[in-house]
């Protein structure tokens, strides 16, 4: 069985509490090998309050939490019976197992939250390769890969800017091989 993402419904405003409760239950019940990540889909917004700029996190889907897990009777029971959880989305009830999210749906959500990181295998680059910067202030610039830090998901690229070599550190998903 492989791990997949499921959506659970919570009481409105209880998302953070459900995440904390579920993470604690996973630890106390020894379910780390079946339940992996609990994520509240959020995005950051800049807000103006009392004439001051501030960054606030807004829930993308209020009342819903994502859980990455291997669905077994035990893991399903632990999540379903976590305080604040009203049920799984994609389950017709009556003991029917829920339907997981499609990988592309999860990928899009995690990427929008900045949580999806490309693995080095997905990147297909090595030191010395020519890459193009895909986003940020140096979008469309091309440079040579100087260093790859797999643990941090970063790549150091040397770019020619105004006739000078400039080194920059970028995330894996910010570059692609030319």
C-alpha atoms as a PDB file:
ATOM      1  CA  UNK A   1       0.000   0.000   0.000  1.00  0.00           C
ATOM      2  CA  UNK A   2       1.225   3.504  -0.751  1.00  0.00           C
ATOM      3  CA  UNK A   3       0.662   6.760   1.063  1.00  0.00           C
ATOM      4  CA  UNK A   4      -1.967   9.083  -0.375  1.00  0.00           C
ATOM      5  CA  UNK A   5      -3.591  12.370   0.586  1.00  0.00           C
ATOM      6  CA  UNK A   6      -7.087  12.531   2.060  1.00  0.00           C
ATOM      7  CA  UNK A   7      -9.281  15.463   3.062  1.00  0.00           C
ATOM      8  CA  UNK A   8     -10.897  15.508   6.469  1.00  0.00           C
ATOM      9  CA  UNK A   9     -13.709  17.810   7.497  1.00  0.00           C
ATOM     10  CA  UNK A  10     -13.445  19.625  10.821  1.00  0.00           C
ATOM     11  CA  UNK A  11     -15.597  21.957  12.827  1.00  0.00           C
ATOM     12  CA  UNK A  12     -15.098  25.441  11.410  1.00  0.00           C
ATOM     13  CA  UNK A  13     -12.288  27.275  13.196  1.00  0.00           C
ATOM     14  CA  UNK A  14     -10.907  24.029  14.679  1.00  0.00           C
ATOM     15  CA  UNK A  15      -8.388  23.277  11.913  1.00  0.00           C
ATOM     16  CA  UNK A  16      -5.291  24.109  14.010  1.00  0.00           C
ATOM     17  CA  UNK A  17      -6.635  22.208  17.004  1.00  0.00           C
ATOM     18  CA  UNK A  18      -7.435  19.161  14.847  1.00  0.00           C
ATOM     19  CA  UNK A  19      -3.907  19.262  13.329  1.00  0.00           C
ATOM     20  CA  UNK A  20      -2.339  19.396  16.813  1.00  0.00           C
ATOM     21  CA  UNK A  21      -4.667  16.669  18.187  1.00  0.00           C
ATOM     22  CA  UNK A  22      -4.035  14.377  15.232  1.00  0.00           C
ATOM     23  CA  UNK A  23      -0.256  14.829  15.374  1.00  0.00           C
ATOM     24  CA  UNK A  24      -0.311  14.047  19.108  1.00  0.00           C
ATOM     25  CA  UNK A  25      -2.486  10.938  18.553  1.00  0.00           C
ATOM     26  CA  UNK A  26      -0.164   9.710  15.786  1.00  0.00           C
ATOM     27  CA  UNK A  27       2.755   9.944  18.206  1.00  0.00           C
ATOM     28  CA  UNK A  28       1.041   8.420  21.264  1.00  0.00           C
ATOM     29  CA  UNK A  29      -0.560   5.597  19.272  1.00  0.00           C
ATOM     30  CA  UNK A  30       2.607   4.786  17.292  1.00  0.00           C
ATOM     31  CA  UNK A  31       1.067   5.499  13.877  1.00  0.00           C
ATOM     32  CA  UNK A  32       4.106   7.291  12.356  1.00  0.00           C
ATOM     33  CA  UNK A  33       4.478   4.528   9.761  1.00  0.00           C
ATOM     34  CA  UNK A  34       0.872   5.018   8.555  1.00  0.00           C
ATOM     35  CA  UNK A  35       0.082   8.730   9.055  1.00  0.00           C
ATOM     36  CA  UNK A  36       2.799  11.065   7.765  1.00  0.00           C
ATOM     37  CA  UNK A  37       1.800  14.707   7.323  1.00  0.00           C
ATOM     38  CA  UNK A  38      -1.114  16.845   8.450  1.00  0.00           C
ATOM     39  CA  UNK A  39      -1.463  20.097   6.473  1.00  0.00           C
ATOM     40  CA  UNK A  40      -3.884  23.011   6.726  1.00  0.00           C
ATOM     41  CA  UNK A  41      -4.082  24.593   3.236  1.00  0.00           C
ATOM     42  CA  UNK A  42      -3.164  28.262   3.769  1.00  0.00           C
ATOM     43  CA  UNK A  43      -1.809  31.155   1.756  1.00  0.00           C
ATOM     44  CA  UNK A  44      -0.218  34.404   2.870  1.00  0.00           C
ATOM     45  CA  UNK A  45      -1.841  37.762   2.209  1.00  0.00           C
ATOM     46  CA  UNK A  46      -0.596  41.253   2.897  1.00  0.00           C
ATOM     47  CA  UNK A  47      -3.131  43.176   4.927  1.00  0.00           C
ATOM     48  CA  UNK A  48      -3.336  46.816   5.984  1.00  0.00           C
ATOM     49  CA  UNK A  49      -4.398  47.338   9.593  1.00  0.00           C
ATOM     50  CA  UNK A  50      -4.125  50.612  11.513  1.00  0.00           C
ATOM     51  CA  UNK A  51      -2.011  51.979   8.653  1.00  0.00           C
ATOM     52  CA  UNK A  52       0.551  49.184   9.020  1.00  0.00           C
ATOM     53  CA  UNK A  53       1.295  46.423   6.556  1.00  0.00           C
ATOM     54  CA  UNK A  54       1.188  42.929   7.959  1.00  0.00           C
ATOM     55  CA  UNK A  55       1.280  39.447   6.517  1.00  0.00           C
ATOM     56  CA  UNK A  56      -1.538  37.129   7.545  1.00  0.00           C
ATOM     57  CA  UNK A  57      -2.217  33.494   6.764  1.00  0.00           C
ATOM     58  CA  UNK A  58      -5.667  32.739   5.405  1.00  0.00           C
ATOM     59  CA  UNK A  59      -7.126  29.271   5.150  1.00  0.00           C
ATOM     60  CA  UNK A  60      -7.718  28.228   1.547  1.00  0.00           C
ATOM     61  CA  UNK A  61     -10.453  25.759   2.557  1.00  0.00           C
ATOM     62  CA  UNK A  62     -11.840  26.687   5.993  1.00  0.00           C
ATOM     63  CA  UNK A  63     -13.056  23.591   7.818  1.00  0.00           C
ATOM     64  CA  UNK A  64     -10.771  21.174   5.951  1.00  0.00           C
ATOM     65  CA  UNK A  65      -7.400  19.565   6.712  1.00  0.00           C
ATOM     66  CA  UNK A  66      -5.230  17.392   4.441  1.00  0.00           C
ATOM     67  CA  UNK A  67      -3.715  14.161   5.765  1.00  0.00           C
ATOM     68  CA  UNK A  68      -1.022  12.117   4.032  1.00  0.00           C
ATOM     69  CA  UNK A  69      -1.458   8.517   5.106  1.00  0.00           C
ATOM     70  CA  UNK A  70      -1.620   4.863   4.192  1.00  0.00           C
ATOM     71  CA  UNK A  71      -5.287   3.976   4.580  1.00  0.00           C
ATOM     72  CA  UNK A  72      -5.775   0.958   6.826  1.00  0.00           C
ATOM     73  CA  UNK A  73      -8.571   0.200   9.270  1.00  0.00           C
ATOM     74  CA  UNK A  74      -6.319   1.408  12.112  1.00  0.00           C
ATOM     75  CA  UNK A  75      -5.168   4.675  10.512  1.00  0.00           C
ATOM     76  CA  UNK A  76      -8.717   5.425   9.356  1.00  0.00           C
ATOM     77  CA  UNK A  77     -10.003   4.859  12.894  1.00  0.00           C
ATOM     78  CA  UNK A  78      -7.336   7.132  14.462  1.00  0.00           C
ATOM     79  CA  UNK A  79      -8.107  10.040  12.100  1.00  0.00           C
ATOM     80  CA  UNK A  80     -11.900   9.608  12.195  1.00  0.00           C
ATOM     81  CA  UNK A  81     -11.955   9.589  15.999  1.00  0.00           C
ATOM     82  CA  UNK A  82      -9.691  12.600  16.512  1.00  0.00           C
ATOM     83  CA  UNK A  83     -11.533  15.318  18.466  1.00  0.00           C
ATOM     84  CA  UNK A  84     -12.883  17.979  16.080  1.00  0.00           C
ATOM     85  CA  UNK A  85     -12.957  15.702  13.011  1.00  0.00           C
ATOM     86  CA  UNK A  86     -16.443  15.297  11.563  1.00  0.00           C
ATOM     87  CA  UNK A  87     -15.430  12.857   8.822  1.00  0.00           C
ATOM     88  CA  UNK A  88     -13.557  12.229   5.601  1.00  0.00           C
ATOM     89  CA  UNK A  89     -14.442  13.909   2.317  1.00  0.00           C
ATOM     90  CA  UNK A  90     -15.096  11.363  -0.416  1.00  0.00           C
ATOM     91  CA  UNK A  91     -16.688   8.810   1.863  1.00  0.00           C
ATOM     92  CA  UNK A  92     -20.332   7.963   1.355  1.00  0.00           C
ATOM     93  CA  UNK A  93     -20.634   7.109   5.054  1.00  0.00           C
ATOM     94  CA  UNK A  94     -21.818   3.844   6.514  1.00  0.00           C
ATOM     95  CA  UNK A  95     -18.251   2.545   6.861  1.00  0.00           C
ATOM     96  CA  UNK A  96     -17.263   3.273   3.228  1.00  0.00           C
ATOM     97  CA  UNK A  97     -13.566   4.081   2.801  1.00  0.00           C
ATOM     98  CA  UNK A  98     -12.800   7.616   1.544  1.00  0.00           C
ATOM     99  CA  UNK A  99     -11.418   8.447  -1.889  1.00  0.00           C
ATOM    100  CA  UNK A 100      -7.885   9.930  -1.960  1.00  0.00           C
ATOM    101  CA  UNK A 101      -7.057  13.177  -3.731  1.00  0.00           C
ATOM    102  CA  UNK A 102      -5.514  12.898  -7.183  1.00  0.00           C
ATOM    103  CA  UNK A 103      -1.706  13.424  -7.164  1.00  0.00           C
ATOM    104  CA  UNK A 104      -1.983  16.468  -9.448  1.00  0.00           C
ATOM    105  CA  UNK A 105      -4.518  18.088  -7.066  1.00  0.00           C
ATOM    106  CA  UNK A 106      -2.180  17.612  -4.121  1.00  0.00           C
ATOM    107  CA  UNK A 107       0.836  18.761  -6.115  1.00  0.00           C
ATOM    108  CA  UNK A 108      -0.946  21.981  -7.136  1.00  0.00           C
ATOM    109  CA  UNK A 109      -2.071  22.696  -3.549  1.00  0.00           C
ATOM    110  CA  UNK A 110       1.312  22.013  -1.948  1.00  0.00           C
ATOM    111  CA  UNK A 111       3.121  24.000  -4.641  1.00  0.00           C
ATOM    112  CA  UNK A 112       0.823  27.006  -4.055  1.00  0.00           C
ATOM    113  CA  UNK A 113       1.711  26.818  -0.354  1.00  0.00           C
ATOM    114  CA  UNK A 114       5.422  26.452  -1.088  1.00  0.00           C
ATOM    115  CA  UNK A 115       5.496  22.991   0.488  1.00  0.00           C
ATOM    116  CA  UNK A 116       6.197  20.903  -2.589  1.00  0.00           C
ATOM    117  CA  UNK A 117       9.873  20.453  -3.213  1.00  0.00           C
ATOM    118  CA  UNK A 118      11.254  18.783  -6.311  1.00  0.00           C
ATOM    119  CA  UNK A 119      13.531  15.858  -5.678  1.00  0.00           C
ATOM    120  CA  UNK A 120      16.932  15.904  -7.379  1.00  0.00           C
ATOM    121  CA  UNK A 121      15.704  13.017  -9.573  1.00  0.00           C
ATOM    122  CA  UNK A 122      12.872  15.212 -10.884  1.00  0.00           C
ATOM    123  CA  UNK A 123      15.361  18.015 -11.524  1.00  0.00           C
ATOM    124  CA  UNK A 124      17.691  16.061 -13.822  1.00  0.00           C
ATOM    125  CA  UNK A 125      20.665  18.437 -13.469  1.00  0.00           C
ATOM    126  CA  UNK A 126      24.219  18.123 -12.262  1.00  0.00           C
ATOM    127  CA  UNK A 127      27.121  20.458 -11.478  1.00  0.00           C
ATOM    128  CA  UNK A 128      28.303  22.246 -14.626  1.00  0.00           C
ATOM    129  CA  UNK A 129      24.920  22.083 -16.428  1.00  0.00           C
ATOM    130  CA  UNK A 130      23.391  25.171 -17.999  1.00  0.00           C
ATOM    131  CA  UNK A 131      20.034  26.052 -16.395  1.00  0.00           C
ATOM    132  CA  UNK A 132      17.377  28.709 -16.829  1.00  0.00           C
ATOM    133  CA  UNK A 133      15.818  30.545 -13.884  1.00  0.00           C
ATOM    134  CA  UNK A 134      12.027  30.035 -13.986  1.00  0.00           C
ATOM    135  CA  UNK A 135      10.800  32.652 -11.510  1.00  0.00           C
ATOM    136  CA  UNK A 136      11.843  35.470  -9.230  1.00  0.00           C
ATOM    137  CA  UNK A 137      13.757  38.632 -10.086  1.00  0.00           C
ATOM    138  CA  UNK A 138      16.206  36.694 -12.302  1.00  0.00           C
ATOM    139  CA  UNK A 139      13.527  34.938 -14.377  1.00  0.00           C
ATOM    140  CA  UNK A 140      14.773  33.892 -17.846  1.00  0.00           C
ATOM    141  CA  UNK A 141      18.443  34.346 -16.875  1.00  0.00           C
ATOM    142  CA  UNK A 142      20.705  31.434 -17.750  1.00  0.00           C
ATOM    143  CA  UNK A 143      23.626  30.224 -15.676  1.00  0.00           C
ATOM    144  CA  UNK A 144      25.859  27.299 -14.764  1.00  0.00           C
ATOM    145  CA  UNK A 145      25.197  25.028 -11.798  1.00  0.00           C
ATOM    146  CA  UNK A 146      28.031  25.434  -9.282  1.00  0.00           C
ATOM    147  CA  UNK A 147      26.704  23.346  -6.403  1.00  0.00           C
ATOM    148  CA  UNK A 148      23.656  21.197  -5.493  1.00  0.00           C
ATOM    149  CA  UNK A 149      22.436  20.861  -1.886  1.00  0.00           C
ATOM    150  CA  UNK A 150      19.994  17.954  -1.918  1.00  0.00           C
ATOM    151  CA  UNK A 151      19.183  18.235   1.819  1.00  0.00           C
ATOM    152  CA  UNK A 152      18.081  21.870   1.542  1.00  0.00           C
ATOM    153  CA  UNK A 153      16.575  21.521  -1.955  1.00  0.00           C
ATOM    154  CA  UNK A 154      18.842  24.323  -3.189  1.00  0.00           C
ATOM    155  CA  UNK A 155      21.073  24.803  -6.195  1.00  0.00           C
ATOM    156  CA  UNK A 156      23.825  27.437  -6.540  1.00  0.00           C
ATOM    157  CA  UNK A 157      23.934  28.980  -9.986  1.00  0.00           C
ATOM    158  CA  UNK A 158      26.465  31.378 -11.485  1.00  0.00           C
ATOM    159  CA  UNK A 159      24.762  33.919 -13.778  1.00  0.00           C
ATOM    160  CA  UNK A 160      26.376  36.511 -16.071  1.00  0.00           C
ATOM    161  CA  UNK A 161      24.908  39.873 -15.096  1.00  0.00           C
ATOM    162  CA  UNK A 162      26.218  43.099 -16.624  1.00  0.00           C
ATOM    163  CA  UNK A 163      29.425  41.315 -17.607  1.00  0.00           C
ATOM    164  CA  UNK A 164      30.063  40.005 -14.074  1.00  0.00           C
ATOM    165  CA  UNK A 165      29.590  36.522 -12.696  1.00  0.00           C
ATOM    166  CA  UNK A 166      26.949  36.603  -9.950  1.00  0.00           C
ATOM    167  CA  UNK A 167      26.291  33.574  -7.770  1.00  0.00           C
ATOM    168  CA  UNK A 168      22.819  32.937  -6.442  1.00  0.00           C
ATOM    169  CA  UNK A 169      21.120  30.225  -4.420  1.00  0.00           C
ATOM    170  CA  UNK A 170      17.785  29.027  -5.790  1.00  0.00           C
ATOM    171  CA  UNK A 171      15.199  26.363  -4.945  1.00  0.00           C
ATOM    172  CA  UNK A 172      15.088  23.256  -7.165  1.00  0.00           C
ATOM    173  CA  UNK A 173      11.732  24.340  -8.606  1.00  0.00           C
ATOM    174  CA  UNK A 174      13.138  27.730  -9.661  1.00  0.00           C
ATOM    175  CA  UNK A 175      15.438  26.249 -12.314  1.00  0.00           C
ATOM    176  CA  UNK A 176      15.262  23.942 -15.290  1.00  0.00           C
ATOM    177  CA  UNK A 177      17.940  22.432 -17.457  1.00  0.00           C
ATOM    178  CA  UNK A 178      18.480  24.125 -20.827  1.00  0.00           C
END
